[in-house]
Amino acid sequence: MLVSAKEMLTKAKAGKYAVGQFNINNLEWTKAILLTAQELNSPVILGVSEGAGKYMCGYKTVVGMVNGMIDELGITVPVALHLDHGSYEGAKACIEAGFSSVMFDGSHYPIEENIAKTKELVEYCDKLGLSLEAEVGAIGGEEDGVVGNGEVADPNECKMIADLGVTMLAAGIGNIHGKYPENWAGLSFDTLAEIQKLTGTMPLVLHGGTGIPAEMIKKAISLGVSKINVNTECQLAFAAATREYVEAGKDQQGKGFDPRKLLAPGFEAIKATVKEKMELFGSINKA
């Protein structure tokens, strides 16, 4: 059964650890992440971008697959199914399809419009017992159709959005989606401390978890970050393992071309990456 991310993140914030949001792209991804969470007794958030939702044939398909797997694999740890960087329309569509959590990314709107739309979704989600993530200030890097320019959020704007009653808040603190460039300046911990001071017990979200050094991640968690998003890292691990399998000619031995065999090394690579992240975030045995 899917749950809202509220309880798991409230616990994480109080316990000074973070829950990973691992984006799913297909069946292998979903299965690898769910099994790893169960093995490590960790709560988990499955992230779905609007682009990935389209790729997987729509949100109802995603909900059906995830619910089916939770049931068939005997998953008992808390699992939230979360729309990542959702538009206003996307958030509503995911709520209707049965997601347990949504993100409305209004960071590209003027703050007034971001507030108005977020407010409406807060009421909608509260009625249904779903968790809602909001975002303030652009984050660098490229995501599905949303490009940020590496800005750092304004702590006062963060407070304005937090005060609307959202469950969690994503705020740019110098992080970037995708691979980090050579000249990246690092996370702005002063900004994070300031946001934390103004937003109190609100769980804070760190997007672009791939490529941030482990020490910075740990420091961010100690300053109130309770949810960290990981996507690119799992994709890179999957691609590298698949490449190795094909370059070793294993797809041409016996029935090595069978997708169940061909995709197995990539599946294991995702599991290993998720395990490494859960260890770093401190969520193991926190289910």
Protein backbone atom coordinates (compact mmCIF):
# COMPACT_ATOMS: atom_id res chain seq x y z
CA MET A 1 0.00 0.00 0.00
CA LEU A 2 1.33 3.40 -0.97
CA VAL A 3 1.69 5.99 1.76
CA SER A 4 2.13 9.75 1.84
CA ALA A 5 5.72 10.89 2.39
CA LYS A 6 4.70 13.02 5.38
CA GLU A 7 5.34 10.56 8.21
CA MET A 8 8.60 9.17 6.82
CA LEU A 9 10.00 12.67 6.30
CA THR A 10 8.85 14.01 9.67
CA LYS A 11 10.69 11.07 11.29
CA ALA A 12 13.75 11.67 9.10
CA LYS A 13 13.90 15.35 10.01
CA ALA A 14 13.63 14.56 13.74
CA GLY A 15 16.16 11.71 13.47
CA LYS A 16 18.67 13.69 11.38
CA TYR A 17 18.73 11.30 8.42
CA ALA A 18 17.27 11.56 4.92
CA VAL A 19 14.95 9.42 2.81
CA GLY A 20 16.04 8.89 -0.79
CA GLN A 21 13.77 9.66 -3.71
CA PHE A 22 14.90 7.34 -6.47
CA ASN A 23 13.38 8.07 -9.87
CA ILE A 24 11.91 5.14 -11.73
CA ASN A 25 12.12 4.71 -15.49
CA ASN A 26 10.75 1.20 -16.10
CA LEU A 27 10.06 -2.19 -14.48
CA GLU A 28 13.73 -2.97 -13.72
CA TRP A 29 14.20 0.34 -11.93
CA THR A 30 11.07 -0.05 -9.84
CA LYS A 31 11.81 -3.64 -8.86
CA ALA A 32 15.45 -2.90 -7.99
CA ILE A 33 14.57 0.06 -5.77
CA LEU A 34 11.68 -1.66 -3.97
CA LEU A 35 13.68 -4.84 -3.28
CA THR A 36 16.66 -2.86 -1.98
CA ALA A 37 14.45 -0.79 0.34
CA GLN A 38 12.87 -4.00 1.69
CA GLU A 39 16.24 -5.74 2.16
CA LEU A 40 17.63 -2.73 4.03
CA ASN A 41 14.40 -2.01 5.94
CA SER A 42 14.40 1.56 4.66
CA PRO A 43 11.50 3.86 3.76
CA VAL A 44 11.65 4.95 0.12
CA ILE A 45 10.15 7.45 -2.30
CA LEU A 46 9.72 6.45 -5.95
CA GLY A 47 9.99 9.56 -8.13
CA VAL A 48 8.33 9.84 -11.53
CA SER A 49 8.99 12.81 -13.80
CA GLU A 50 6.31 13.81 -16.29
CA GLY A 51 8.57 12.60 -19.11
CA ALA A 52 9.10 9.22 -17.45
CA GLY A 53 5.37 8.99 -16.81
CA LYS A 54 4.69 9.41 -20.53
CA TYR A 55 7.42 6.89 -21.36
CA MET A 56 5.81 4.30 -19.06
CA CYS A 57 2.44 4.73 -20.85
CA GLY A 58 0.88 7.15 -18.39
CA TYR A 59 0.35 7.56 -14.66
CA LYS A 60 -2.28 4.82 -14.31
CA THR A 61 0.19 2.30 -15.71
CA VAL A 62 2.80 3.45 -13.21
CA VAL A 63 0.37 3.21 -10.27
CA GLY A 64 -0.74 -0.26 -11.41
CA MET A 65 2.84 -1.50 -11.75
CA VAL A 66 4.00 -0.12 -8.40
CA ASN A 67 0.95 -1.36 -6.47
CA GLY A 68 1.24 -4.76 -8.14
CA MET A 69 4.91 -5.05 -7.20
CA ILE A 70 4.37 -4.00 -3.58
CA ASP A 71 1.82 -6.78 -3.35
CA GLU A 72 3.62 -9.52 -5.30
CA LEU A 73 7.07 -8.86 -3.82
CA GLY A 74 5.73 -8.61 -0.27
CA ILE A 75 7.05 -5.08 0.30
CA THR A 76 6.26 -3.94 3.85
CA VAL A 77 8.47 -0.83 4.20
CA PRO A 78 6.79 2.57 3.65
CA VAL A 79 6.69 3.47 -0.07
CA ALA A 80 5.54 6.82 -1.45
CA LEU A 81 4.89 7.26 -5.17
CA HIS A 82 5.78 10.85 -5.97
CA LEU A 83 5.46 13.08 -9.02
CA ASP A 84 8.82 14.78 -9.57
CA HIS A 85 8.87 18.39 -10.88
CA GLY A 86 5.20 18.33 -11.71
CA SER A 87 3.31 21.02 -13.54
CA TYR A 88 0.01 22.13 -12.03
CA GLU A 89 -1.91 19.93 -14.52
CA GLY A 90 0.52 17.03 -14.01
CA ALA A 91 0.02 17.16 -10.25
CA LYS A 92 -3.75 16.95 -10.64
CA ALA A 93 -3.46 14.07 -13.12
CA CYS A 94 -1.20 12.09 -10.76
CA ILE A 95 -3.54 12.64 -7.81
CA GLU A 96 -6.40 11.28 -9.92
CA ALA A 97 -4.31 8.29 -11.04
CA GLY A 98 -3.54 7.27 -7.44
CA PHE A 99 -0.11 8.72 -6.61
CA SER A 100 0.41 9.18 -2.86
CA SER A 101 2.58 12.29 -3.16
CA VAL A 102 3.14 15.06 -5.71
CA MET A 103 5.53 17.87 -6.34
CA PHE A 104 4.28 21.08 -7.83
CA ASP A 105 7.22 22.94 -9.27
CA GLY A 106 6.06 26.53 -9.46
CA SER A 107 9.61 27.88 -9.24
CA HIS A 108 9.46 29.36 -12.76
CA TYR A 109 6.33 31.38 -11.95
CA PRO A 110 6.45 34.78 -10.25
CA ILE A 111 6.28 34.14 -6.48
CA GLU A 112 2.64 35.37 -6.25
CA GLU A 113 1.46 32.85 -8.83
CA ASN A 114 3.57 30.08 -7.27
CA ILE A 115 1.85 30.86 -3.94
CA ALA A 116 -1.68 30.90 -5.42
CA LYS A 117 -1.29 27.57 -7.25
CA THR A 118 0.53 25.91 -4.33
CA LYS A 119 -2.22 27.03 -1.94
CA GLU A 120 -4.88 25.40 -4.07
CA LEU A 121 -2.95 22.13 -4.23
CA VAL A 122 -2.34 22.18 -0.45
CA GLU A 123 -6.12 22.12 0.11
CA TYR A 124 -6.60 19.39 -2.49
CA CYS A 125 -3.84 17.17 -1.04
CA ASP A 126 -4.88 17.74 2.58
CA LYS A 127 -8.38 16.49 1.81
CA LEU A 128 -6.98 13.29 0.32
CA GLY A 129 -4.15 12.78 2.83
CA LEU A 130 -1.39 13.13 0.21
CA SER A 131 1.98 14.82 0.66
CA LEU A 132 2.90 17.87 -1.39
CA GLU A 133 6.35 19.17 -2.26
CA ALA A 134 6.81 22.74 -3.43
CA GLU A 135 9.86 24.42 -4.94
CA VAL A 136 11.32 27.87 -4.61
CA GLY A 137 14.05 29.42 -6.73
CA ALA A 138 15.54 27.82 -9.82
CA ILE A 139 17.94 24.92 -9.48
CA GLY A 140 20.72 24.56 -12.04
CA GLY A 141 20.94 21.92 -14.71
CA GLU A 142 18.42 20.40 -17.07
CA GLU A 143 15.39 18.30 -16.22
CA ASP A 144 12.41 17.24 -18.32
CA GLY A 145 11.54 20.49 -20.05
CA VAL A 146 12.47 22.59 -17.00
CA VAL A 147 15.79 24.38 -17.06
CA GLY A 148 17.09 26.19 -14.00
CA ASN A 149 20.12 28.45 -13.90
CA GLY A 150 21.83 27.43 -10.69
CA GLU A 151 20.22 30.13 -8.59
CA VAL A 152 20.10 29.99 -4.86
CA ALA A 153 16.63 30.38 -3.30
CA ASP A 154 15.58 33.41 -1.30
CA PRO A 155 15.02 32.22 2.31
CA ASN A 156 12.12 34.65 2.77
CA GLU A 157 10.34 33.26 -0.29
CA CYS A 158 10.94 29.79 1.17
CA LYS A 159 9.16 30.85 4.35
CA MET A 160 6.22 32.22 2.35
CA ILE A 161 5.74 28.88 0.59
CA ALA A 162 6.41 26.79 3.73
CA ASP A 163 3.76 28.77 5.59
CA LEU A 164 1.11 27.61 3.09
CA GLY A 165 1.19 24.18 4.72
CA VAL A 166 3.12 22.14 2.16
CA THR A 167 4.66 18.88 3.44
CA MET A 168 8.20 19.50 2.18
CA LEU A 169 10.14 22.21 0.46
CA ALA A 170 12.76 22.05 -2.29
CA ALA A 171 14.99 25.10 -2.30
CA GLY A 172 17.95 25.81 -4.53
CA ILE A 173 21.16 25.89 -2.48
CA GLY A 174 23.58 25.82 -5.39
CA ASN A 175 22.70 22.26 -6.44
CA ILE A 176 22.36 21.17 -10.07
CA HIS A 177 20.47 18.39 -11.83
CA GLY A 178 22.59 15.89 -13.76
CA LYS A 179 26.38 15.89 -13.83
CA TYR A 180 28.15 18.66 -11.96
CA PRO A 181 30.48 20.89 -14.01
CA GLU A 182 34.18 21.27 -13.18
CA ASN A 183 33.70 24.83 -11.93
CA TRP A 184 30.81 24.04 -9.55
CA ALA A 185 31.06 26.19 -6.42
CA GLY A 186 29.55 23.63 -4.02
CA LEU A 187 26.46 23.85 -1.84
CA SER A 188 25.66 27.09 -0.06
CA PHE A 189 25.34 25.98 3.58
CA ASP A 190 24.74 29.55 4.75
CA THR A 191 21.60 29.68 2.59
CA LEU A 192 20.51 26.26 3.85
CA ALA A 193 20.99 27.29 7.50
CA GLU A 194 19.01 30.48 6.88
CA ILE A 195 16.15 28.56 5.18
CA GLN A 196 16.13 26.01 8.00
CA LYS A 197 15.94 28.80 10.59
CA LEU A 198 12.89 30.33 8.89
CA THR A 199 11.05 27.09 8.03
CA GLY A 200 11.54 25.23 11.35
CA THR A 201 10.37 21.61 11.30
CA MET A 202 9.57 21.59 7.57
CA PRO A 203 11.49 18.73 5.85
CA LEU A 204 13.79 20.25 3.22
CA VAL A 205 14.53 18.57 -0.11
CA LEU A 206 17.83 18.42 -1.96
CA HIS A 207 17.47 17.93 -5.71
CA GLY A 208 20.36 16.85 -7.91
CA GLY A 209 21.86 14.40 -5.41
CA THR A 210 24.17 12.91 -8.05
CA GLY A 211 27.75 14.12 -7.83
CA ILE A 212 27.54 16.01 -4.53
CA PRO A 213 30.44 14.82 -2.33
CA ALA A 214 29.42 12.56 0.58
CA GLU A 215 30.66 15.03 3.20
CA MET A 216 28.46 17.80 1.75
CA ILE A 217 25.46 15.46 1.74
CA LYS A 218 26.02 14.61 5.41
CA LYS A 219 26.36 18.27 6.32
CA ALA A 220 23.17 19.13 4.41
CA ILE A 221 21.29 16.39 6.33
CA SER A 222 22.58 17.80 9.63
CA LEU A 223 21.16 21.19 8.57
CA GLY A 224 17.62 19.93 7.95
CA VAL A 225 17.61 18.19 4.55
CA SER A 226 15.33 15.14 4.94
CA LYS A 227 14.74 14.07 1.31
CA ILE A 228 17.40 13.68 -1.36
CA ASN A 229 16.63 13.01 -5.02
CA VAL A 230 18.75 10.56 -7.00
CA ASN A 231 18.26 9.76 -10.68
CA THR A 232 21.31 10.30 -12.90
CA GLU A 233 23.53 8.10 -10.75
CA CYS A 234 21.27 5.05 -11.18
CA GLN A 235 21.08 5.71 -14.92
CA LEU A 236 24.87 5.90 -15.24
CA ALA A 237 25.34 2.69 -13.22
CA PHE A 238 22.72 0.86 -15.30
CA ALA A 239 24.28 2.04 -18.58
CA ALA A 240 27.84 1.11 -17.52
CA ALA A 241 26.84 -2.43 -16.45
CA THR A 242 24.83 -2.98 -19.65
CA ARG A 243 27.71 -1.71 -21.80
CA GLU A 244 30.14 -4.07 -20.07
CA TYR A 245 27.83 -7.04 -20.68
CA VAL A 246 27.46 -6.24 -24.39
CA GLU A 247 31.13 -5.36 -24.93
CA ALA A 248 32.13 -8.69 -23.34
CA GLY A 249 29.96 -10.35 -26.03
CA LYS A 250 27.72 -12.00 -23.42
CA ASP A 251 24.59 -11.11 -25.39
CA GLN A 252 25.87 -13.44 -28.13
CA GLN A 253 26.48 -16.43 -25.87
CA GLY A 254 23.60 -18.90 -25.51
CA LYS A 255 20.42 -16.96 -24.78
CA GLY A 256 22.33 -13.92 -23.56
CA PHE A 257 20.18 -11.70 -25.76
CA ASP A 258 17.08 -12.50 -23.66
CA PRO A 259 16.13 -9.18 -22.01
CA ARG A 260 15.94 -10.94 -18.65
CA LYS A 261 19.63 -11.80 -19.01
CA LEU A 262 20.66 -8.67 -20.89
CA LEU A 263 19.18 -6.30 -18.28
CA ALA A 264 20.22 -8.29 -15.18
CA PRO A 265 23.66 -6.67 -14.69
CA GLY A 266 22.09 -3.19 -14.97
CA PHE A 267 19.40 -4.20 -12.49
CA GLU A 268 22.07 -5.30 -9.99
CA ALA A 269 23.97 -2.04 -10.59
CA ILE A 270 20.86 -0.02 -9.67
CA LYS A 271 20.47 -2.09 -6.48
CA ALA A 272 24.08 -1.44 -5.52
CA THR A 273 23.73 2.30 -6.17
CA VAL A 274 20.53 2.55 -4.13
CA LYS A 275 22.14 0.63 -1.26
CA GLU A 276 25.14 2.95 -1.26
CA LYS A 277 22.83 5.99 -1.15
CA MET A 278 20.64 4.59 1.63
CA GLU A 279 23.78 3.98 3.69
CA LEU A 280 24.96 7.54 3.06
CA PHE A 281 21.53 9.06 3.84
CA GLY A 282 21.20 7.04 7.07
CA SER A 283 17.76 5.58 6.26
CA ILE A 284 18.66 1.90 6.78
CA ASN A 285 16.52 0.19 9.45
CA LYS A 286 14.39 3.31 9.74
CA ALA A 287 11.25 1.72 8.23
